[in-house]
Amino acid sequence: MRLAKEAGSSGCCLPAVYNAANEECVAAFVAGRLPFLGMVETLERVLDEAPDFDEPGTVEDVLAAETWARSHAQRIIGEGA
């Protein structure tokens, strides 16, 4: 919950980044590729390593942030987070 609240209060595209990365983590957990606590570790890394996204002006801005987050989370999961 802490990470979700922090992402939400940070604004810009971080709520979308959190949500997309969380979806990737849950999918990896359900598939047996990520341990339960690995979800939190992965989410923390994705949020910490997120670029400074501007305030989104369009849907495309949000989708670009989501795409980045999904890709980054998948890479971290693949490293064995």
N, C-alpha and C. Protein backbone atom coordinates (compact mmCIF):
# COMPACT_ATOMS: atom_id res chain seq x y z
N MET A 1 0.81 -1.19 0.00
CA MET A 1 0.00 0.00 0.00
C MET A 1 0.86 1.26 0.00
N ARG A 2 1.98 1.21 0.70
CA ARG A 2 2.83 2.39 0.77
C ARG A 2 3.28 2.83 -0.62
N LEU A 3 3.69 1.88 -1.43
CA LEU A 3 4.17 2.22 -2.77
C LEU A 3 3.05 2.80 -3.62
N ALA A 4 1.87 2.24 -3.51
CA ALA A 4 0.72 2.75 -4.27
C ALA A 4 0.39 4.18 -3.85
N LYS A 5 0.40 4.43 -2.55
CA LYS A 5 0.11 5.78 -2.05
C LYS A 5 1.17 6.77 -2.50
N GLU A 6 2.43 6.36 -2.43
CA GLU A 6 3.52 7.26 -2.85
C GLU A 6 3.42 7.57 -4.34
N ALA A 7 3.14 6.56 -5.13
CA ALA A 7 3.01 6.79 -6.57
C ALA A 7 1.83 7.71 -6.86
N GLY A 8 0.74 7.49 -6.17
CA GLY A 8 -0.44 8.32 -6.38
C GLY A 8 -0.22 9.76 -5.97
N SER A 9 0.47 9.97 -4.88
CA SER A 9 0.69 11.35 -4.42
C SER A 9 1.80 12.04 -5.22
N SER A 10 2.66 11.27 -5.86
CA SER A 10 3.72 11.87 -6.68
C SER A 10 3.17 12.47 -7.96
N GLY A 11 2.09 11.90 -8.44
CA GLY A 11 1.45 12.43 -9.64
C GLY A 11 2.21 12.11 -10.91
N CYS A 12 2.08 13.00 -11.87
CA CYS A 12 2.60 12.79 -13.22
C CYS A 12 2.14 11.43 -13.72
N CYS A 13 3.04 10.64 -14.22
CA CYS A 13 2.66 9.33 -14.76
C CYS A 13 2.96 8.20 -13.79
N LEU A 14 3.41 8.52 -12.58
CA LEU A 14 3.78 7.44 -11.66
C LEU A 14 2.62 6.53 -11.26
N PRO A 15 1.39 7.00 -11.13
CA PRO A 15 0.32 6.05 -10.87
C PRO A 15 0.17 5.02 -12.00
N ALA A 16 0.31 5.46 -13.23
CA ALA A 16 0.23 4.54 -14.38
C ALA A 16 1.42 3.59 -14.38
N VAL A 17 2.59 4.09 -14.04
CA VAL A 17 3.79 3.25 -13.95
C VAL A 17 3.58 2.18 -12.89
N TYR A 18 3.11 2.59 -11.72
CA TYR A 18 2.85 1.63 -10.65
C TYR A 18 1.87 0.56 -11.10
N ASN A 19 0.76 0.98 -11.67
CA ASN A 19 -0.28 0.03 -12.06
C ASN A 19 0.23 -0.98 -13.10
N ALA A 20 0.91 -0.49 -14.12
CA ALA A 20 1.41 -1.38 -15.17
C ALA A 20 2.44 -2.37 -14.61
N ALA A 21 3.35 -1.86 -13.79
CA ALA A 21 4.37 -2.74 -13.20
C ALA A 21 3.72 -3.75 -12.26
N ASN A 22 2.73 -3.32 -11.51
CA ASN A 22 2.03 -4.22 -10.61
C ASN A 22 1.35 -5.35 -11.38
N GLU A 23 0.72 -5.01 -12.49
CA GLU A 23 0.09 -6.05 -13.31
C GLU A 23 1.10 -7.07 -13.80
N GLU A 24 2.28 -6.61 -14.20
CA GLU A 24 3.33 -7.53 -14.65
C GLU A 24 3.81 -8.40 -13.51
N CYS A 25 3.93 -7.82 -12.33
CA CYS A 25 4.37 -8.58 -11.16
C CYS A 25 3.36 -9.66 -10.78
N VAL A 26 2.10 -9.30 -10.77
CA VAL A 26 1.06 -10.28 -10.43
C VAL A 26 1.05 -11.41 -11.45
N ALA A 27 1.15 -11.09 -12.72
CA ALA A 27 1.17 -12.13 -13.75
C ALA A 27 2.36 -13.06 -13.56
N ALA A 28 3.52 -12.50 -13.25
CA ALA A 28 4.71 -13.32 -13.03
C ALA A 28 4.57 -14.16 -11.77
N PHE A 29 3.96 -13.62 -10.73
CA PHE A 29 3.73 -14.37 -9.50
C PHE A 29 2.79 -15.55 -9.76
N VAL A 30 1.69 -15.30 -10.44
CA VAL A 30 0.71 -16.35 -10.74
C VAL A 30 1.35 -17.44 -11.60
N ALA A 31 2.25 -17.04 -12.50
CA ALA A 31 2.92 -18.01 -13.37
C ALA A 31 4.07 -18.73 -12.67
N GLY A 32 4.36 -18.35 -11.44
CA GLY A 32 5.43 -19.00 -10.69
C GLY A 32 6.82 -18.48 -11.03
N ARG A 33 6.89 -17.33 -11.70
CA ARG A 33 8.20 -16.77 -12.09
C ARG A 33 8.71 -15.72 -11.11
N LEU A 34 7.90 -15.37 -10.10
CA LEU A 34 8.29 -14.32 -9.16
C LEU A 34 7.73 -14.68 -7.78
N PRO A 35 8.58 -14.70 -6.75
CA PRO A 35 8.05 -14.97 -5.41
C PRO A 35 7.19 -13.81 -4.92
N PHE A 36 6.36 -14.08 -3.93
CA PHE A 36 5.44 -13.07 -3.42
C PHE A 36 6.16 -11.78 -3.05
N LEU A 37 7.21 -11.86 -2.25
CA LEU A 37 7.93 -10.65 -1.84
C LEU A 37 8.71 -10.02 -2.99
N GLY A 38 8.96 -10.80 -4.02
CA GLY A 38 9.61 -10.25 -5.20
C GLY A 38 8.76 -9.21 -5.90
N MET A 39 7.45 -9.30 -5.71
CA MET A 39 6.56 -8.29 -6.31
C MET A 39 6.86 -6.92 -5.73
N VAL A 40 7.00 -6.84 -4.42
CA VAL A 40 7.29 -5.56 -3.77
C VAL A 40 8.65 -5.04 -4.20
N GLU A 41 9.63 -5.91 -4.20
CA GLU A 41 10.99 -5.51 -4.60
C GLU A 41 11.01 -4.98 -6.04
N THR A 42 10.30 -5.66 -6.91
CA THR A 42 10.25 -5.24 -8.31
C THR A 42 9.54 -3.90 -8.45
N LEU A 43 8.42 -3.74 -7.78
CA LEU A 43 7.71 -2.46 -7.84
C LEU A 43 8.57 -1.32 -7.33
N GLU A 44 9.28 -1.55 -6.24
CA GLU A 44 10.17 -0.50 -5.71
C GLU A 44 11.22 -0.11 -6.73
N ARG A 45 11.82 -1.10 -7.36
CA ARG A 45 12.85 -0.80 -8.37
C ARG A 45 12.29 -0.04 -9.55
N VAL A 46 11.14 -0.49 -10.05
CA VAL A 46 10.54 0.19 -11.20
C VAL A 46 10.26 1.65 -10.85
N LEU A 47 9.68 1.90 -9.69
CA LEU A 47 9.37 3.28 -9.31
C LEU A 47 10.64 4.09 -9.09
N ASP A 48 11.64 3.49 -8.45
CA ASP A 48 12.90 4.19 -8.20
C ASP A 48 13.64 4.52 -9.49
N GLU A 49 13.54 3.64 -10.48
CA GLU A 49 14.29 3.81 -11.71
C GLU A 49 13.49 4.48 -12.83
N ALA A 50 12.26 4.87 -12.52
CA ALA A 50 11.42 5.51 -13.54
C ALA A 50 12.02 6.86 -13.94
N PRO A 51 12.00 7.15 -15.23
CA PRO A 51 12.46 8.46 -15.67
C PRO A 51 11.52 9.54 -15.16
N ASP A 52 11.94 10.76 -15.24
CA ASP A 52 11.10 11.88 -14.81
C ASP A 52 10.07 12.17 -15.89
N PHE A 53 8.95 11.46 -15.79
CA PHE A 53 7.87 11.68 -16.75
C PHE A 53 7.22 13.03 -16.46
N ASP A 54 6.90 13.76 -17.52
CA ASP A 54 6.19 15.02 -17.36
C ASP A 54 4.74 14.73 -17.01
N GLU A 55 4.04 15.77 -16.59
CA GLU A 55 2.60 15.65 -16.38
C GLU A 55 1.99 15.24 -17.71
N PRO A 56 1.22 14.16 -17.73
CA PRO A 56 0.69 13.70 -19.02
C PRO A 56 -0.30 14.70 -19.61
N GLY A 57 -0.13 14.96 -20.89
CA GLY A 57 -1.04 15.85 -21.60
C GLY A 57 -2.00 15.10 -22.49
N THR A 58 -1.64 13.86 -22.79
CA THR A 58 -2.45 13.04 -23.68
C THR A 58 -2.50 11.61 -23.17
N VAL A 59 -3.41 10.85 -23.72
CA VAL A 59 -3.49 9.43 -23.41
C VAL A 59 -2.20 8.73 -23.85
N GLU A 60 -1.65 9.18 -24.95
CA GLU A 60 -0.41 8.58 -25.46
C GLU A 60 0.73 8.73 -24.45
N ASP A 61 0.75 9.85 -23.73
CA ASP A 61 1.78 10.05 -22.70
C ASP A 61 1.66 8.98 -21.61
N VAL A 62 0.45 8.71 -21.19
CA VAL A 62 0.21 7.70 -20.16
C VAL A 62 0.56 6.31 -20.69
N LEU A 63 0.15 6.03 -21.91
CA LEU A 63 0.45 4.72 -22.50
C LEU A 63 1.94 4.51 -22.67
N ALA A 64 2.67 5.56 -23.00
CA ALA A 64 4.13 5.45 -23.13
C ALA A 64 4.75 5.11 -21.77
N ALA A 65 4.26 5.74 -20.71
CA ALA A 65 4.77 5.45 -19.36
C ALA A 65 4.44 4.01 -18.97
N GLU A 66 3.23 3.56 -19.30
CA GLU A 66 2.86 2.18 -19.01
C GLU A 66 3.73 1.20 -19.77
N THR A 67 3.98 1.48 -21.03
CA THR A 67 4.82 0.60 -21.84
C THR A 67 6.22 0.50 -21.25
N TRP A 68 6.76 1.65 -20.84
CA TRP A 68 8.08 1.65 -20.22
C TRP A 68 8.06 0.79 -18.96
N ALA A 69 7.05 0.98 -18.12
CA ALA A 69 6.97 0.27 -16.84
C ALA A 69 6.85 -1.23 -17.04
N ARG A 70 6.02 -1.65 -17.99
CA ARG A 70 5.86 -3.08 -18.25
C ARG A 70 7.18 -3.70 -18.70
N SER A 71 7.84 -3.03 -19.63
CA SER A 71 9.10 -3.52 -20.14
C SER A 71 10.16 -3.59 -19.04
N HIS A 72 10.22 -2.55 -18.24
CA HIS A 72 11.23 -2.49 -17.17
C HIS A 72 10.94 -3.57 -16.12
N ALA A 73 9.67 -3.73 -15.75
CA ALA A 73 9.32 -4.77 -14.78
C ALA A 73 9.66 -6.15 -15.32
N GLN A 74 9.36 -6.40 -16.58
CA GLN A 74 9.67 -7.70 -17.18
C GLN A 74 11.18 -7.96 -17.18
N ARG A 75 11.95 -6.92 -17.45
CA ARG A 75 13.41 -7.07 -17.43
C ARG A 75 13.89 -7.43 -16.02
N ILE A 76 13.38 -6.73 -15.02
CA ILE A 76 13.78 -7.00 -13.63
C ILE A 76 13.36 -8.42 -13.23
N ILE A 77 12.15 -8.80 -13.59
CA ILE A 77 11.67 -10.15 -13.28
C ILE A 77 12.57 -11.19 -13.95
N GLY A 78 12.96 -10.92 -15.17
CA GLY A 78 13.84 -11.83 -15.90
C GLY A 78 15.21 -11.97 -15.26
N GLU A 79 15.64 -10.93 -14.52
CA GLU A 79 16.92 -10.97 -13.82
C GLU A 79 16.84 -11.84 -12.57
N GLY A 80 15.61 -12.20 -12.20
CA GLY A 80 15.45 -13.02 -11.00
C GLY A 80 15.20 -12.22 -9.75
N ALA A 81 14.42 -11.14 -9.89
CA ALA A 81 14.12 -10.26 -8.74
C ALA A 81 13.54 -11.04 -7.58
